[in-house]
């Protein structure tokens, strides 16, 4: 009860998320299912909307890519930065991209 969440084992996190049915503890999934059944009440809708608010992941900054994928760069940009470009800007980026002999070869 007093330890930080980051120090919990996978089994402990599993118990918190999924609960223990034989002890009538639904875990977080059970709690939110219970709230969903009562969302006709205004204060519950407010709570659920705050819980579901969009926040970028601190690890990837909302890019939805693993750190290994974000670490790979082409022309000084990672895949998330390239995908975030407008089509016109991405076309210009690839048109002007200068690759070295090593980076321009395929592993075919």
C-alpha atoms as a PDB file:
ATOM      1  CA  UNK A   1       0.000   0.000   0.000  1.00  0.00           C
ATOM      2  CA  UNK A   2       2.845   2.399   0.694  1.00  0.00           C
ATOM      3  CA  UNK A   3       5.243   1.461  -2.105  1.00  0.00           C
ATOM      4  CA  UNK A   4       5.513   3.319  -5.410  1.00  0.00           C
ATOM      5  CA  UNK A   5       3.686   1.807  -8.387  1.00  0.00           C
ATOM      6  CA  UNK A   6       6.921   1.634 -10.378  1.00  0.00           C
ATOM      7  CA  UNK A   7       8.364  -0.833  -7.830  1.00  0.00           C
ATOM      8  CA  UNK A   8       5.484  -3.348  -8.114  1.00  0.00           C
ATOM      9  CA  UNK A   9       6.055  -6.725  -9.704  1.00  0.00           C
ATOM     10  CA  UNK A  10       4.153  -7.778 -12.844  1.00  0.00           C
ATOM     11  CA  UNK A  11       1.980 -10.087 -10.730  1.00  0.00           C
ATOM     12  CA  UNK A  12       1.056  -7.252  -8.353  1.00  0.00           C
ATOM     13  CA  UNK A  13       0.160  -4.939 -11.259  1.00  0.00           C
ATOM     14  CA  UNK A  14      -1.924  -7.761 -12.764  1.00  0.00           C
ATOM     15  CA  UNK A  15      -3.873  -8.063  -9.505  1.00  0.00           C
ATOM     16  CA  UNK A  16      -4.507  -4.312  -9.413  1.00  0.00           C
ATOM     17  CA  UNK A  17      -5.668  -4.153 -13.030  1.00  0.00           C
ATOM     18  CA  UNK A  18      -7.705  -7.377 -13.263  1.00  0.00           C
ATOM     19  CA  UNK A  19      -8.615  -7.963  -9.626  1.00  0.00           C
ATOM     20  CA  UNK A  20      -9.258 -11.168  -7.694  1.00  0.00           C
ATOM     21  CA  UNK A  21     -12.735 -12.524  -8.571  1.00  0.00           C
ATOM     22  CA  UNK A  22     -12.810 -15.093  -5.751  1.00  0.00           C
ATOM     23  CA  UNK A  23     -12.405 -12.243  -3.265  1.00  0.00           C
ATOM     24  CA  UNK A  24     -14.972 -10.090  -5.082  1.00  0.00           C
ATOM     25  CA  UNK A  25     -12.312  -7.517  -6.006  1.00  0.00           C
ATOM     26  CA  UNK A  26     -12.747  -6.391  -9.610  1.00  0.00           C
ATOM     27  CA  UNK A  27      -9.571  -4.355  -9.848  1.00  0.00           C
ATOM     28  CA  UNK A  28      -9.372  -1.272 -12.050  1.00  0.00           C
ATOM     29  CA  UNK A  29     -11.224  -3.007 -14.873  1.00  0.00           C
ATOM     30  CA  UNK A  30     -14.100  -3.861 -12.555  1.00  0.00           C
ATOM     31  CA  UNK A  31     -14.152  -0.360 -11.096  1.00  0.00           C
ATOM     32  CA  UNK A  32     -14.371   1.297 -14.493  1.00  0.00           C
ATOM     33  CA  UNK A  33     -17.001  -1.193 -15.667  1.00  0.00           C
ATOM     34  CA  UNK A  34     -19.017  -0.248 -12.581  1.00  0.00           C
ATOM     35  CA  UNK A  35     -18.589   3.453 -13.395  1.00  0.00           C
ATOM     36  CA  UNK A  36     -19.649   2.875 -17.017  1.00  0.00           C
ATOM     37  CA  UNK A  37     -22.920   1.391 -15.788  1.00  0.00           C
ATOM     38  CA  UNK A  38     -23.555   4.562 -13.763  1.00  0.00           C
ATOM     39  CA  UNK A  39     -22.443   7.215 -16.228  1.00  0.00           C
ATOM     40  CA  UNK A  40     -25.954   8.637 -16.416  1.00  0.00           C
ATOM     41  CA  UNK A  41     -24.905  10.621 -13.332  1.00  0.00           C
ATOM     42  CA  UNK A  42     -23.182  13.899 -14.159  1.00  0.00           C
ATOM     43  CA  UNK A  43     -20.351  13.658 -11.618  1.00  0.00           C
ATOM     44  CA  UNK A  44     -19.413  10.190 -12.890  1.00  0.00           C
ATOM     45  CA  UNK A  45     -19.321  11.429 -16.510  1.00  0.00           C
ATOM     46  CA  UNK A  46     -17.037  14.274 -15.384  1.00  0.00           C
ATOM     47  CA  UNK A  47     -14.730  11.825 -13.583  1.00  0.00           C
ATOM     48  CA  UNK A  48     -14.596   9.496 -16.594  1.00  0.00           C
ATOM     49  CA  UNK A  49     -13.844  12.341 -18.993  1.00  0.00           C
ATOM     50  CA  UNK A  50     -10.967  13.505 -16.810  1.00  0.00           C
ATOM     51  CA  UNK A  51      -9.616   9.959 -16.523  1.00  0.00           C
ATOM     52  CA  UNK A  52      -9.745   9.499 -20.291  1.00  0.00           C
ATOM     53  CA  UNK A  53      -8.131  12.828 -21.057  1.00  0.00           C
ATOM     54  CA  UNK A  54      -5.430  12.666 -23.683  1.00  0.00           C
ATOM     55  CA  UNK A  55      -1.912  12.993 -22.367  1.00  0.00           C
ATOM     56  CA  UNK A  56       1.172  12.158 -24.356  1.00  0.00           C
ATOM     57  CA  UNK A  57       3.194   9.216 -23.160  1.00  0.00           C
ATOM     58  CA  UNK A  58       6.290  10.463 -21.303  1.00  0.00           C
ATOM     59  CA  UNK A  59       8.479   7.811 -22.980  1.00  0.00           C
ATOM     60  CA  UNK A  60       7.589   8.562 -26.621  1.00  0.00           C
ATOM     61  CA  UNK A  61       5.955  11.993 -26.387  1.00  0.00           C
ATOM     62  CA  UNK A  62       2.811  10.699 -28.092  1.00  0.00           C
ATOM     63  CA  UNK A  63       4.659   9.289 -31.115  1.00  0.00           C
ATOM     64  CA  UNK A  64       3.384   5.751 -30.353  1.00  0.00           C
ATOM     65  CA  UNK A  65       6.743   4.276 -31.242  1.00  0.00           C
ATOM     66  CA  UNK A  66       9.256   2.478 -29.093  1.00  0.00           C
ATOM     67  CA  UNK A  67      12.395   4.366 -28.059  1.00  0.00           C
ATOM     68  CA  UNK A  68      14.472   2.139 -30.380  1.00  0.00           C
ATOM     69  CA  UNK A  69      12.411   3.245 -33.382  1.00  0.00           C
ATOM     70  CA  UNK A  70      12.626   6.891 -32.332  1.00  0.00           C
ATOM     71  CA  UNK A  71      16.410   6.609 -31.966  1.00  0.00           C
ATOM     72  CA  UNK A  72      16.803   5.742 -35.664  1.00  0.00           C
ATOM     73  CA  UNK A  73      17.243   8.899 -37.720  1.00  0.00           C
ATOM     74  CA  UNK A  74      17.195   9.642 -41.435  1.00  0.00           C
ATOM     75  CA  UNK A  75      18.419  13.044 -42.476  1.00  0.00           C
ATOM     76  CA  UNK A  76      18.375  14.167 -38.832  1.00  0.00           C
ATOM     77  CA  UNK A  77      14.707  13.196 -38.266  1.00  0.00           C
ATOM     78  CA  UNK A  78      13.105  10.143 -36.719  1.00  0.00           C
ATOM     79  CA  UNK A  79      10.117   8.269 -38.144  1.00  0.00           C
ATOM     80  CA  UNK A  80       7.595  10.141 -35.974  1.00  0.00           C
ATOM     81  CA  UNK A  81       8.919  13.519 -37.095  1.00  0.00           C
ATOM     82  CA  UNK A  82       8.784  12.467 -40.753  1.00  0.00           C
ATOM     83  CA  UNK A  83       5.239  11.100 -40.408  1.00  0.00           C
ATOM     84  CA  UNK A  84       4.119  14.348 -38.749  1.00  0.00           C
ATOM     85  CA  UNK A  85       5.181  16.373 -41.802  1.00  0.00           C
ATOM     86  CA  UNK A  86       2.634  17.615 -44.299  1.00  0.00           C
ATOM     87  CA  UNK A  87       2.761  15.624 -47.542  1.00  0.00           C
ATOM     88  CA  UNK A  88       4.281  18.583 -49.388  1.00  0.00           C
ATOM     89  CA  UNK A  89       6.998  18.962 -46.748  1.00  0.00           C
ATOM     90  CA  UNK A  90       7.679  15.191 -46.615  1.00  0.00           C
ATOM     91  CA  UNK A  91       8.042  15.079 -50.400  1.00  0.00           C
ATOM     92  CA  UNK A  92      10.521  17.955 -50.245  1.00  0.00           C
ATOM     93  CA  UNK A  93      12.387  16.237 -47.376  1.00  0.00           C
ATOM     94  CA  UNK A  94      12.854  13.039 -49.400  1.00  0.00           C
ATOM     95  CA  UNK A  95      13.618  14.915 -52.611  1.00  0.00           C
ATOM     96  CA  UNK A  96      16.500  16.771 -50.950  1.00  0.00           C
ATOM     97  CA  UNK A  97      17.671  13.893 -48.718  1.00  0.00           C
ATOM     98  CA  UNK A  98      21.387  13.221 -49.095  1.00  0.00           C
ATOM     99  CA  UNK A  99      22.444   9.705 -48.120  1.00  0.00           C
ATOM    100  CA  UNK A 100      25.979   8.425 -47.728  1.00  0.00           C
ATOM    101  CA  UNK A 101      27.102   5.361 -49.675  1.00  0.00           C
ATOM    102  CA  UNK A 102      26.732   3.277 -46.526  1.00  0.00           C
ATOM    103  CA  UNK A 103      23.232   4.515 -45.593  1.00  0.00           C
ATOM    104  CA  UNK A 104      21.974   4.427 -49.187  1.00  0.00           C
ATOM    105  CA  UNK A 105      22.633   0.712 -49.696  1.00  0.00           C
ATOM    106  CA  UNK A 106      19.915  -1.848 -49.141  1.00  0.00           C
ATOM    107  CA  UNK A 107      20.384  -5.102 -47.274  1.00  0.00           C
ATOM    108  CA  UNK A 108      18.749  -7.165 -50.022  1.00  0.00           C
END
